PDB file of all heavy atoms in Angstrom:
ATOM      1  N   GLY A   1       0.823  -1.193   0.000  1.00  0.00           N
ATOM      2  CA  GLY A   1       0.000   0.000   0.000  1.00  0.00           C
ATOM      3  C   GLY A   1       0.856   1.240   0.000  1.00  0.00           C
ATOM      4  O   GLY A   1       2.020   1.216   0.406  1.00  0.00           O
ATOM      5  N   GLU A   2       0.269   2.312  -0.468  1.00  0.00           N
ATOM      6  CA  GLU A   2       0.990   3.580  -0.520  1.00  0.00           C
ATOM      7  C   GLU A   2       1.086   4.195   0.869  1.00  0.00           C
ATOM      8  O   GLU A   2       0.097   4.317   1.578  1.00  0.00           O
ATOM      9  CB  GLU A   2       0.271   4.549  -1.468  1.00  0.00           C
ATOM     10  CG  GLU A   2       1.008   5.848  -1.677  1.00  0.00           C
ATOM     11  CD  GLU A   2       0.286   6.788  -2.628  1.00  0.00           C
ATOM     12  OE1 GLU A   2      -0.715   6.377  -3.240  1.00  0.00           O
ATOM     13  OE2 GLU A   2       0.726   7.943  -2.730  1.00  0.00           O
ATOM     14  N   ARG A   3       2.283   4.588   1.233  1.00  0.00           N
ATOM     15  CA  ARG A   3       2.532   5.214   2.527  1.00  0.00           C
ATOM     16  C   ARG A   3       2.629   6.727   2.330  1.00  0.00           C
ATOM     17  O   ARG A   3       3.424   7.181   1.504  1.00  0.00           O
ATOM     18  CB  ARG A   3       3.822   4.665   3.132  1.00  0.00           C
ATOM     19  CG  ARG A   3       3.682   3.238   3.654  1.00  0.00           C
ATOM     20  CD  ARG A   3       4.872   2.392   3.233  1.00  0.00           C
ATOM     21  NE  ARG A   3       4.930   1.102   3.888  1.00  0.00           N
ATOM     22  CZ  ARG A   3       4.303   0.021   3.455  1.00  0.00           C
ATOM     23  NH1 ARG A   3       3.540   0.069   2.388  1.00  0.00           N
ATOM     24  NH2 ARG A   3       4.414  -1.120   4.111  1.00  0.00           N
ATOM     25  N   VAL A   4       1.844   7.474   3.094  1.00  0.00           N
ATOM     26  CA  VAL A   4       1.833   8.931   2.976  1.00  0.00           C
ATOM     27  C   VAL A   4       1.846   9.571   4.354  1.00  0.00           C
ATOM     28  O   VAL A   4       1.477   8.955   5.350  1.00  0.00           O
ATOM     29  CB  VAL A   4       0.599   9.446   2.193  1.00  0.00           C
ATOM     30  CG1 VAL A   4       0.638   8.983   0.751  1.00  0.00           C
ATOM     31  CG2 VAL A   4      -0.683   9.033   2.852  1.00  0.00           C
ATOM     32  N   VAL A   5       2.275  10.838   4.377  1.00  0.00           N
ATOM     33  CA  VAL A   5       2.279  11.621   5.612  1.00  0.00           C
ATOM     34  C   VAL A   5       1.153  12.637   5.527  1.00  0.00           C
ATOM     35  O   VAL A   5       1.005  13.326   4.519  1.00  0.00           O
ATOM     36  CB  VAL A   5       3.629  12.343   5.814  1.00  0.00           C
ATOM     37  CG1 VAL A   5       3.562  13.282   6.996  1.00  0.00           C
ATOM     38  CG2 VAL A   5       4.742  11.346   5.986  1.00  0.00           C
ATOM     39  N   PHE A   6       0.356  12.721   6.593  1.00  0.00           N
ATOM     40  CA  PHE A   6      -0.632  13.784   6.727  1.00  0.00           C
ATOM     41  C   PHE A   6       0.001  14.816   7.638  1.00  0.00           C
ATOM     42  O   PHE A   6       0.163  14.590   8.839  1.00  0.00           O
ATOM     43  CB  PHE A   6      -1.947  13.262   7.310  1.00  0.00           C
ATOM     44  CG  PHE A   6      -2.992  14.325   7.436  1.00  0.00           C
ATOM     45  CD1 PHE A   6      -3.751  14.703   6.347  1.00  0.00           C
ATOM     46  CD2 PHE A   6      -3.198  14.960   8.650  1.00  0.00           C
ATOM     47  CE1 PHE A   6      -4.704  15.699   6.463  1.00  0.00           C
ATOM     48  CE2 PHE A   6      -4.150  15.954   8.779  1.00  0.00           C
ATOM     49  CZ  PHE A   6      -4.904  16.331   7.681  1.00  0.00           C
ATOM     50  N   ASP A   7       0.385  15.953   7.050  1.00  0.00           N
ATOM     51  CA  ASP A   7       1.097  17.001   7.782  1.00  0.00           C
ATOM     52  C   ASP A   7       0.099  18.022   8.318  1.00  0.00           C
ATOM     53  O   ASP A   7      -0.718  18.555   7.566  1.00  0.00           O
ATOM     54  CB  ASP A   7       2.103  17.673   6.860  1.00  0.00           C
ATOM     55  CG  ASP A   7       3.073  18.580   7.587  1.00  0.00           C
ATOM     56  OD1 ASP A   7       3.023  18.647   8.828  1.00  0.00           O
ATOM     57  OD2 ASP A   7       3.887  19.220   6.896  1.00  0.00           O
ATOM     58  N   LEU A   8       0.173  18.303   9.608  1.00  0.00           N
ATOM     59  CA  LEU A   8      -0.719  19.278  10.229  1.00  0.00           C
ATOM     60  C   LEU A   8      -0.280  20.723   9.995  1.00  0.00           C
ATOM     61  O   LEU A   8      -1.052  21.653  10.228  1.00  0.00           O
ATOM     62  CB  LEU A   8      -0.814  19.019  11.740  1.00  0.00           C
ATOM     63  CG  LEU A   8      -1.491  17.723  12.162  1.00  0.00           C
ATOM     64  CD1 LEU A   8      -1.413  17.567  13.676  1.00  0.00           C
ATOM     65  CD2 LEU A   8      -2.922  17.668  11.698  1.00  0.00           C
ATOM     66  N   GLU A   9       0.933  20.931   9.532  1.00  0.00           N
ATOM     67  CA  GLU A   9       1.487  22.278   9.373  1.00  0.00           C
ATOM     68  C   GLU A   9       0.619  23.203   8.514  1.00  0.00           C
ATOM     69  O   GLU A   9       0.413  24.363   8.894  1.00  0.00           O
ATOM     70  CB  GLU A   9       2.916  22.198   8.819  1.00  0.00           C
ATOM     71  CG  GLU A   9       3.670  23.505   8.850  1.00  0.00           C
ATOM     72  CD  GLU A   9       3.482  24.312   7.579  1.00  0.00           C
ATOM     73  OE1 GLU A   9       3.223  23.713   6.521  1.00  0.00           O
ATOM     74  OE2 GLU A   9       3.569  25.545   7.663  1.00  0.00           O
ATOM     75  N   PRO A  10       0.072  22.767   7.378  1.00  0.00           N
ATOM     76  CA  PRO A  10      -0.758  23.680   6.574  1.00  0.00           C
ATOM     77  C   PRO A  10      -2.034  24.155   7.280  1.00  0.00           C
ATOM     78  O   PRO A  10      -2.645  25.140   6.866  1.00  0.00           O
ATOM     79  CB  PRO A  10      -1.111  22.858   5.337  1.00  0.00           C
ATOM     80  CG  PRO A  10      -0.131  21.760   5.288  1.00  0.00           C
ATOM     81  CD  PRO A  10       0.275  21.497   6.701  1.00  0.00           C
ATOM     82  N   PHE A  11      -2.434  23.490   8.332  1.00  0.00           N
ATOM     83  CA  PHE A  11      -3.662  23.827   9.046  1.00  0.00           C
ATOM     84  C   PHE A  11      -3.415  24.762  10.233  1.00  0.00           C
ATOM     85  O   PHE A  11      -4.353  25.143  10.926  1.00  0.00           O
ATOM     86  CB  PHE A  11      -4.368  22.558   9.515  1.00  0.00           C
ATOM     87  CG  PHE A  11      -4.672  21.613   8.394  1.00  0.00           C
ATOM     88  CD1 PHE A  11      -3.845  20.534   8.132  1.00  0.00           C
ATOM     89  CD2 PHE A  11      -5.775  21.815   7.588  1.00  0.00           C
ATOM     90  CE1 PHE A  11      -4.115  19.668   7.088  1.00  0.00           C
ATOM     91  CE2 PHE A  11      -6.058  20.962   6.538  1.00  0.00           C
ATOM     92  CZ  PHE A  11      -5.225  19.882   6.284  1.00  0.00           C
ATOM     93  N   LEU A  12      -2.157  25.107  10.467  1.00  0.00           N
ATOM     94  CA  LEU A  12      -1.804  25.974  11.585  1.00  0.00           C
ATOM     95  C   LEU A  12      -1.856  27.438  11.170  1.00  0.00           C
ATOM     96  O   LEU A  12      -1.582  27.785  10.021  1.00  0.00           O
ATOM     97  CB  LEU A  12      -0.395  25.648  12.086  1.00  0.00           C
ATOM     98  CG  LEU A  12      -0.137  24.226  12.565  1.00  0.00           C
ATOM     99  CD1 LEU A  12       1.311  24.078  12.974  1.00  0.00           C
ATOM    100  CD2 LEU A  12      -1.068  23.845  13.676  1.00  0.00           C
ATOM    101  N   PHE A  13      -2.171  28.294  12.108  1.00  0.00           N
ATOM    102  CA  PHE A  13      -2.155  29.738  11.878  1.00  0.00           C
ATOM    103  C   PHE A  13      -0.708  30.197  11.897  1.00  0.00           C
ATOM    104  O   PHE A  13      -0.002  30.009  12.896  1.00  0.00           O
ATOM    105  CB  PHE A  13      -2.982  30.452  12.956  1.00  0.00           C
ATOM    106  CG  PHE A  13      -2.958  31.940  12.852  1.00  0.00           C
ATOM    107  CD1 PHE A  13      -3.604  32.590  11.816  1.00  0.00           C
ATOM    108  CD2 PHE A  13      -2.277  32.692  13.796  1.00  0.00           C
ATOM    109  CE1 PHE A  13      -3.580  33.967  11.717  1.00  0.00           C
ATOM    110  CE2 PHE A  13      -2.254  34.076  13.715  1.00  0.00           C
ATOM    111  CZ  PHE A  13      -2.902  34.718  12.664  1.00  0.00           C
ATOM    112  N   GLN A  14      -0.247  30.756  10.791  1.00  0.00           N
ATOM    113  CA  GLN A  14       1.125  31.223  10.615  1.00  0.00           C
ATOM    114  C   GLN A  14       2.149  30.130  10.933  1.00  0.00           C
ATOM    115  O   GLN A  14       3.246  30.407  11.407  1.00  0.00           O
ATOM    116  CB  GLN A  14       1.393  32.479  11.440  1.00  0.00           C
ATOM    117  CG  GLN A  14       0.568  33.663  11.016  1.00  0.00           C
ATOM    118  CD  GLN A  14       0.871  34.914  11.822  1.00  0.00           C
ATOM    119  OE1 GLN A  14       1.577  34.889  12.827  1.00  0.00           O
ATOM    120  NE2 GLN A  14       0.314  36.036  11.363  1.00  0.00           N
ATOM    121  N   SER A  15       1.782  28.885  10.689  1.00  0.00           N
ATOM    122  CA  SER A  15       2.638  27.711  10.943  1.00  0.00           C
ATOM    123  C   SER A  15       3.120  27.620  12.381  1.00  0.00           C
ATOM    124  O   SER A  15       4.142  27.010  12.659  1.00  0.00           O
ATOM    125  CB  SER A  15       3.845  27.710  10.005  1.00  0.00           C
ATOM    126  OG  SER A  15       3.435  27.610   8.674  1.00  0.00           O
ATOM    127  N   LEU A  16       2.369  28.250  13.304  1.00  0.00           N
ATOM    128  CA  LEU A  16       2.805  28.269  14.695  1.00  0.00           C
ATOM    129  C   LEU A  16       1.802  27.691  15.675  1.00  0.00           C
ATOM    130  O   LEU A  16       2.179  26.954  16.586  1.00  0.00           O
ATOM    131  CB  LEU A  16       3.125  29.712  15.129  1.00  0.00           C
ATOM    132  CG  LEU A  16       4.321  30.364  14.479  1.00  0.00           C
ATOM    133  CD1 LEU A  16       4.411  31.822  14.887  1.00  0.00           C
ATOM    134  CD2 LEU A  16       5.591  29.631  14.866  1.00  0.00           C
ATOM    135  N   VAL A  17       0.542  28.056  15.534  1.00  0.00           N
ATOM    136  CA  VAL A  17      -0.451  27.682  16.539  1.00  0.00           C
ATOM    137  C   VAL A  17      -1.722  27.150  15.881  1.00  0.00           C
ATOM    138  O   VAL A  17      -2.011  27.433  14.722  1.00  0.00           O
ATOM    139  CB  VAL A  17      -0.825  28.878  17.447  1.00  0.00           C
ATOM    140  CG1 VAL A  17       0.350  29.331  18.265  1.00  0.00           C
ATOM    141  CG2 VAL A  17      -1.396  30.010  16.641  1.00  0.00           C
ATOM    142  N   VAL A  18      -2.491  26.422  16.675  1.00  0.00           N
ATOM    143  CA  VAL A  18      -3.789  25.937  16.249  1.00  0.00           C
ATOM    144  C   VAL A  18      -4.849  26.939  16.692  1.00  0.00           C
ATOM    145  O   VAL A  18      -4.947  27.250  17.878  1.00  0.00           O
ATOM    146  CB  VAL A  18      -4.094  24.550  16.874  1.00  0.00           C
ATOM    147  CG1 VAL A  18      -5.504  24.115  16.552  1.00  0.00           C
ATOM    148  CG2 VAL A  18      -3.087  23.519  16.405  1.00  0.00           C
ATOM    149  N   LYS A  19      -5.576  27.468  15.736  1.00  0.00           N
ATOM    150  CA  LYS A  19      -6.760  28.265  16.049  1.00  0.00           C
ATOM    151  C   LYS A  19      -7.928  27.301  15.859  1.00  0.00           C
ATOM    152  O   LYS A  19      -8.244  26.916  14.746  1.00  0.00           O
ATOM    153  CB  LYS A  19      -6.878  29.472  15.119  1.00  0.00           C
ATOM    154  CG  LYS A  19      -5.876  30.559  15.401  1.00  0.00           C
ATOM    155  CD  LYS A  19      -6.029  31.699  14.424  1.00  0.00           C
ATOM    156  CE  LYS A  19      -6.706  32.864  15.088  1.00  0.00           C
ATOM    157  NZ  LYS A  19      -6.809  34.027  14.156  1.00  0.00           N
ATOM    158  N   GLU A  20      -8.527  26.903  16.968  1.00  0.00           N
ATOM    159  CA  GLU A  20      -9.452  25.782  16.950  1.00  0.00           C
ATOM    160  C   GLU A  20     -10.573  25.917  15.923  1.00  0.00           C
ATOM    161  O   GLU A  20     -10.844  24.981  15.176  1.00  0.00           O
ATOM    162  CB  GLU A  20     -10.046  25.551  18.340  1.00  0.00           C
ATOM    163  CG  GLU A  20     -10.919  24.315  18.390  1.00  0.00           C
ATOM    164  CD  GLU A  20     -11.384  23.951  19.779  1.00  0.00           C
ATOM    165  OE1 GLU A  20     -10.997  24.622  20.759  1.00  0.00           O
ATOM    166  OE2 GLU A  20     -12.146  22.980  19.889  1.00  0.00           O
ATOM    167  N   LYS A  21     -11.231  27.029  15.885  1.00  0.00           N
ATOM    168  CA  LYS A  21     -12.371  27.192  14.982  1.00  0.00           C
ATOM    169  C   LYS A  21     -11.946  27.008  13.516  1.00  0.00           C
ATOM    170  O   LYS A  21     -12.572  26.256  12.769  1.00  0.00           O
ATOM    171  CB  LYS A  21     -13.010  28.559  15.185  1.00  0.00           C
ATOM    172  CG  LYS A  21     -14.291  28.755  14.432  1.00  0.00           C
ATOM    173  CD  LYS A  21     -14.934  30.088  14.782  1.00  0.00           C
ATOM    174  CE  LYS A  21     -16.251  30.246  14.030  1.00  0.00           C
ATOM    175  NZ  LYS A  21     -16.899  31.515  14.351  1.00  0.00           N
ATOM    176  N   GLU A  22     -10.862  27.679  13.119  1.00  0.00           N
ATOM    177  CA  GLU A  22     -10.373  27.581  11.744  1.00  0.00           C
ATOM    178  C   GLU A  22      -9.823  26.178  11.452  1.00  0.00           C
ATOM    179  O   GLU A  22      -9.998  25.647  10.356  1.00  0.00           O
ATOM    180  CB  GLU A  22      -9.293  28.635  11.473  1.00  0.00           C
ATOM    181  CG  GLU A  22      -9.818  30.048  11.402  1.00  0.00           C
ATOM    182  CD  GLU A  22      -9.939  30.716  12.769  1.00  0.00           C
ATOM    183  OE1 GLU A  22      -9.684  30.066  13.806  1.00  0.00           O
ATOM    184  OE2 GLU A  22     -10.315  31.900  12.799  1.00  0.00           O
ATOM    185  N   PHE A  23      -9.166  25.602  12.436  1.00  0.00           N
ATOM    186  CA  PHE A  23      -8.605  24.263  12.292  1.00  0.00           C
ATOM    187  C   PHE A  23      -9.716  23.254  12.018  1.00  0.00           C
ATOM    188  O   PHE A  23      -9.640  22.471  11.075  1.00  0.00           O
ATOM    189  CB  PHE A  23      -7.833  23.898  13.567  1.00  0.00           C
ATOM    190  CG  PHE A  23      -7.057  22.620  13.481  1.00  0.00           C
ATOM    191  CD1 PHE A  23      -5.786  22.607  12.947  1.00  0.00           C
ATOM    192  CD2 PHE A  23      -7.590  21.433  13.962  1.00  0.00           C
ATOM    193  CE1 PHE A  23      -5.051  21.432  12.877  1.00  0.00           C
ATOM    194  CE2 PHE A  23      -6.871  20.251  13.905  1.00  0.00           C
ATOM    195  CZ  PHE A  23      -5.602  20.252  13.358  1.00  0.00           C
ATOM    196  N   ARG A  24     -10.745  23.281  12.834  1.00  0.00           N
ATOM    197  CA  ARG A  24     -11.870  22.355  12.653  1.00  0.00           C
ATOM    198  C   ARG A  24     -12.588  22.597  11.325  1.00  0.00           C
ATOM    199  O   ARG A  24     -12.985  21.650  10.652  1.00  0.00           O
ATOM    200  CB  ARG A  24     -12.849  22.472  13.822  1.00  0.00           C
ATOM    201  CG  ARG A  24     -12.309  21.893  15.117  1.00  0.00           C
ATOM    202  CD  ARG A  24     -13.339  21.990  16.238  1.00  0.00           C
ATOM    203  NE  ARG A  24     -12.823  21.487  17.479  1.00  0.00           N
ATOM    204  CZ  ARG A  24     -12.842  20.204  17.849  1.00  0.00           C
ATOM    205  NH1 ARG A  24     -13.352  19.303  17.047  1.00  0.00           N
ATOM    206  NH2 ARG A  24     -12.354  19.833  19.016  1.00  0.00           N
ATOM    207  N   GLN A  25     -12.741  23.854  10.940  1.00  0.00           N
ATOM    208  CA  GLN A  25     -13.412  24.173   9.680  1.00  0.00           C
ATOM    209  C   GLN A  25     -12.597  23.672   8.485  1.00  0.00           C
ATOM    210  O   GLN A  25     -13.159  23.130   7.529  1.00  0.00           O
ATOM    211  CB  GLN A  25     -13.662  25.677   9.542  1.00  0.00           C
ATOM    212  CG  GLN A  25     -14.486  26.043   8.331  1.00  0.00           C
ATOM    213  CD  GLN A  25     -15.874  25.401   8.356  1.00  0.00           C
ATOM    214  OE1 GLN A  25     -16.571  25.438   9.363  1.00  0.00           O
ATOM    215  NE2 GLN A  25     -16.254  24.803   7.246  1.00  0.00           N
TER     216      GLN A  25
END
């Protein structure tokens, strides 16, 4: 099977923090 990485970095605000509302959306 194909192995892939799901990177959380694109979902972070300014690549630093999680803004919950935007993250969930």
